[in-house]
Amino acid sequence: MKIIYTSHYMEEVEYLCNRIAIMDNGEIFALGTKEELTYVVLFQLKQITEQIEQLEGVNYVDCKENTYDIGIKQGAHLLPELFTIAQNLEVRILMQLLDRY
């Protein structure tokens, strides 16, 4: 028997379901067990962090809960490269916060 359960609360989903589908705009973005999805997300975060750290001019990269804090001195020239990395790894950029010091 299959039951489709929808929720925005991962705690509920983890408790009730053996397979999880994550959807975005009506399309399945990821599908698998909790362990499979956790591995995919952690691997992708590691790839993104490593690629950003290799860019010349990046002082630091800090990732917490899928949000990146990237320290760049005079980094306007790096924005196209950051967008390219995100696009190549199929990561959606939802918001940019730029601070001038």
Protein backbone atom coordinates (compact mmCIF):
# COMPACT_ATOMS: atom_id res chain seq x y z
CA MET A 1 0.00 0.00 0.00
CA LYS A 2 1.24 3.49 -0.81
CA ILE A 3 0.15 6.65 0.96
CA ILE A 4 1.12 10.14 -0.15
CA TYR A 5 1.74 12.40 2.84
CA THR A 6 2.62 16.06 2.44
CA SER A 7 4.24 18.24 5.06
CA HIS A 8 6.68 21.09 5.48
CA TYR A 9 7.91 19.52 8.73
CA MET A 10 10.81 17.13 8.14
CA GLU A 11 10.50 15.71 11.67
CA GLU A 12 7.05 14.37 10.80
CA VAL A 13 8.17 13.05 7.43
CA GLU A 14 11.22 11.30 8.93
CA TYR A 15 9.04 9.63 11.55
CA LEU A 16 6.21 8.52 9.24
CA CYS A 17 7.84 7.76 5.88
CA ASN A 18 10.45 5.33 4.52
CA ARG A 19 10.90 7.22 1.22
CA ILE A 20 10.84 10.97 0.79
CA ALA A 21 10.27 13.10 -2.30
CA ILE A 22 11.21 16.76 -2.16
CA MET A 23 9.23 18.84 -4.64
CA ASP A 24 9.82 22.29 -6.04
CA ASN A 25 7.32 24.05 -8.30
CA GLY A 26 5.43 20.80 -8.88
CA GLU A 27 8.47 18.76 -9.89
CA ILE A 28 10.36 16.14 -7.88
CA PHE A 29 13.70 17.67 -6.91
CA ALA A 30 15.01 14.68 -4.91
CA LEU A 31 13.73 11.20 -4.07
CA GLY A 32 15.04 8.56 -1.69
CA THR A 33 15.37 7.47 1.92
CA LYS A 34 16.30 9.99 4.61
CA GLU A 35 19.86 8.66 4.58
CA GLU A 36 20.16 8.89 0.78
CA LEU A 37 18.87 12.45 0.70
CA THR A 38 21.13 13.51 3.59
CA TYR A 39 24.17 12.09 1.75
CA VAL A 40 23.26 13.89 -1.49
CA VAL A 41 22.74 17.22 0.28
CA LEU A 42 25.97 16.97 2.32
CA PHE A 43 27.96 15.96 -0.77
CA GLN A 44 26.55 18.89 -2.74
CA LEU A 45 27.28 21.35 0.09
CA LYS A 46 30.89 20.08 0.25
CA GLN A 47 31.30 20.50 -3.52
CA ILE A 48 29.94 24.05 -3.42
CA THR A 49 32.14 25.04 -0.48
CA GLU A 50 35.29 23.64 -2.11
CA GLN A 51 34.63 25.43 -5.39
CA ILE A 52 33.94 28.77 -3.70
CA GLU A 53 37.03 28.51 -1.48
CA GLN A 54 39.21 28.09 -4.59
CA LEU A 55 38.18 31.46 -6.03
CA GLU A 56 40.85 34.13 -5.75
CA GLY A 57 39.73 36.86 -3.37
CA VAL A 58 37.54 34.68 -1.13
CA ASN A 59 38.54 35.20 2.51
CA TYR A 60 36.21 32.61 4.05
CA VAL A 61 33.18 30.40 3.38
CA ASP A 62 30.84 29.48 6.22
CA CYS A 63 27.85 27.20 5.60
CA LYS A 64 25.08 26.79 8.17
CA GLU A 65 21.74 25.17 7.37
CA ASN A 66 22.15 25.53 3.58
CA THR A 67 22.96 29.23 3.84
CA TYR A 68 26.37 30.50 2.79
CA ASP A 69 28.21 33.43 4.30
CA ILE A 70 31.03 34.27 1.91
CA GLY A 71 33.66 36.84 2.84
CA ILE A 72 35.06 38.62 -0.21
CA LYS A 73 37.08 41.79 -0.27
CA GLN A 74 36.06 43.95 -3.23
CA GLY A 75 34.20 40.96 -4.63
CA ALA A 76 31.85 42.39 -7.23
CA HIS A 77 34.02 40.76 -9.91
CA LEU A 78 33.41 37.35 -8.28
CA LEU A 79 29.62 37.46 -8.48
CA PRO A 80 29.47 36.03 -12.03
CA GLU A 81 31.74 33.14 -10.95
CA LEU A 82 29.57 32.47 -7.88
CA PHE A 83 26.46 32.40 -10.06
CA THR A 84 28.18 30.01 -12.49
CA ILE A 85 29.09 27.63 -9.64
CA ALA A 86 25.50 27.71 -8.39
CA GLN A 87 24.13 27.11 -11.89
CA ASN A 88 26.53 24.23 -12.65
CA LEU A 89 25.59 22.46 -9.41
CA GLU A 90 21.90 23.27 -9.94
CA VAL A 91 21.70 25.33 -6.77
CA ARG A 92 19.08 28.03 -6.64
CA ILE A 93 20.11 31.44 -5.36
CA LEU A 94 17.13 32.89 -3.56
CA MET A 95 18.61 36.10 -2.18
CA GLN A 96 21.76 38.15 -2.29
CA LEU A 97 22.86 40.28 0.61
CA LEU A 98 25.71 42.63 -0.11
CA ASP A 99 27.33 44.69 2.61
CA ARG A 100 29.82 47.44 1.93
CA TYR A 101 32.43 48.03 4.60
